[in-house]
Amino acid sequence: MKKPAKHMIFLIMFMTILMLGCASSPEEGTGEYVDDAWITSKVKSALVADPQVSGLDIQVETYRGIVQLSGFVDTKDQSREAEDVARSIEGVRDVENRLTVK
């Protein structure tokens, strides 16, 4: 992997963890919230690192292990690849693919 890609992955993971912190929402415990933040970071990093997917155009949200993908991709194959990448991350219970093909 090229150095800029490694730096981008690290930056995304760091910013996600920094922004989310350890606060909890009223509906989930702190441990669950941190787990969701970790899953979101791992999925986003994997999407950015995947050469078949434009990970920077995909938003990732996680709630209780269910990952929601939204944003834009160029082809249906990229949409399927993004979903497969998300499903491959440990801790992901399900994936809601709401990606739009441009």
Protein backbone atom coordinates (compact mmCIF):
# COMPACT_ATOMS: atom_id res chain seq x y z
CA MET A 1 0.00 0.00 0.00
CA LYS A 2 1.27 3.45 -0.82
CA LYS A 3 2.19 5.78 2.04
CA PRO A 4 -0.54 8.38 1.29
CA ALA A 5 -3.20 5.65 1.53
CA LYS A 6 -1.80 4.47 4.87
CA HIS A 7 -1.83 8.02 6.16
CA MET A 8 -5.42 8.52 4.98
CA ILE A 9 -6.58 5.32 6.71
CA PHE A 10 -4.87 6.33 9.94
CA LEU A 11 -6.31 9.84 9.73
CA ILE A 12 -9.86 8.56 9.16
CA MET A 13 -9.63 6.10 12.06
CA PHE A 14 -8.13 8.74 14.37
CA MET A 15 -10.71 11.38 13.49
CA THR A 16 -13.61 8.97 13.89
CA ILE A 17 -12.47 7.81 17.31
CA LEU A 18 -11.66 11.37 18.37
CA MET A 19 -15.06 12.72 17.27
CA LEU A 20 -17.04 9.91 18.83
CA GLY A 21 -15.08 9.70 22.07
CA CYS A 22 -16.51 7.47 24.77
CA ALA A 23 -19.86 9.18 25.21
CA SER A 24 -22.94 7.07 25.01
CA SER A 25 -26.33 7.71 23.56
CA PRO A 26 -29.37 7.26 25.78
CA GLU A 27 -30.26 4.03 24.00
CA GLU A 28 -26.93 2.21 24.14
CA GLY A 29 -24.30 1.60 26.76
CA THR A 30 -20.83 3.07 26.47
CA GLY A 31 -19.31 -0.27 25.47
CA GLU A 32 -21.77 -0.74 22.65
CA TYR A 33 -21.21 2.81 21.41
CA VAL A 34 -17.45 2.36 21.36
CA ASP A 35 -17.86 -0.98 19.55
CA ASP A 36 -20.00 0.73 16.90
CA ALA A 37 -17.43 3.51 16.53
CA TRP A 38 -14.70 0.91 16.12
CA ILE A 39 -16.72 -1.00 13.51
CA THR A 40 -17.39 2.24 11.61
CA SER A 41 -13.66 3.05 11.59
CA LYS A 42 -12.71 -0.44 10.43
CA VAL A 43 -15.32 -0.46 7.64
CA LYS A 44 -14.38 3.04 6.43
CA SER A 45 -10.67 2.17 6.45
CA ALA A 46 -11.30 -1.04 4.53
CA LEU A 47 -13.38 0.83 1.94
CA VAL A 48 -10.68 3.46 1.46
CA ALA A 49 -8.05 0.75 1.06
CA ASP A 50 -10.10 -1.26 -1.45
CA PRO A 51 -8.95 -0.44 -5.01
CA GLN A 52 -12.35 -1.37 -6.51
CA VAL A 53 -14.36 1.05 -4.35
CA SER A 54 -14.18 4.83 -4.04
CA GLY A 55 -14.28 4.74 -0.24
CA LEU A 56 -14.06 8.51 0.13
CA ASP A 57 -17.54 8.89 -1.45
CA ILE A 58 -19.17 6.40 0.94
CA GLN A 59 -20.54 7.33 4.35
CA VAL A 60 -20.61 4.66 7.04
CA GLU A 61 -22.80 4.61 10.14
CA THR A 62 -23.12 1.78 12.64
CA TYR A 63 -25.77 1.10 15.26
CA ARG A 64 -25.65 -2.05 17.37
CA GLY A 65 -23.44 -3.76 14.82
CA ILE A 66 -25.65 -2.92 11.85
CA VAL A 67 -23.69 -0.94 9.26
CA GLN A 68 -25.43 1.49 6.94
CA LEU A 69 -23.63 2.48 3.74
CA SER A 70 -24.75 5.61 1.92
CA GLY A 71 -23.33 7.86 -0.75
CA PHE A 72 -22.44 7.38 -4.38
CA VAL A 73 -20.61 4.77 -6.45
CA ASP A 74 -20.01 4.51 -10.18
CA THR A 75 -21.34 0.97 -10.77
CA LYS A 76 -23.52 -1.76 -9.23
CA ASP A 77 -20.34 -3.86 -8.91
CA GLN A 78 -18.81 -1.18 -6.68
CA SER A 79 -21.97 -1.17 -4.58
CA ARG A 80 -21.79 -4.95 -4.14
CA GLU A 81 -18.06 -4.78 -3.39
CA ALA A 82 -18.60 -2.12 -0.72
CA GLU A 83 -21.27 -4.27 0.91
CA ASP A 84 -18.99 -7.34 0.80
CA VAL A 85 -16.15 -5.35 2.36
CA ALA A 86 -18.42 -4.14 5.16
CA ARG A 87 -19.72 -7.66 5.82
CA SER A 88 -16.15 -8.96 6.10
CA ILE A 89 -15.39 -6.80 9.16
CA GLU A 90 -15.51 -8.56 12.50
CA GLY A 91 -18.45 -7.43 14.63
CA VAL A 92 -20.71 -6.48 11.72
CA ARG A 93 -24.11 -8.12 12.27
CA ASP A 94 -25.77 -6.84 9.09
CA VAL A 95 -25.30 -4.28 6.31
CA GLU A 96 -27.91 -1.89 4.93
CA ASN A 97 -26.70 -0.90 1.48
CA ARG A 98 -28.20 2.48 0.59
CA LEU A 99 -25.55 3.35 -1.99
CA THR A 100 -26.70 5.16 -5.13
CA VAL A 101 -25.17 4.37 -8.52
CA LYS A 102 -24.31 7.63 -10.32
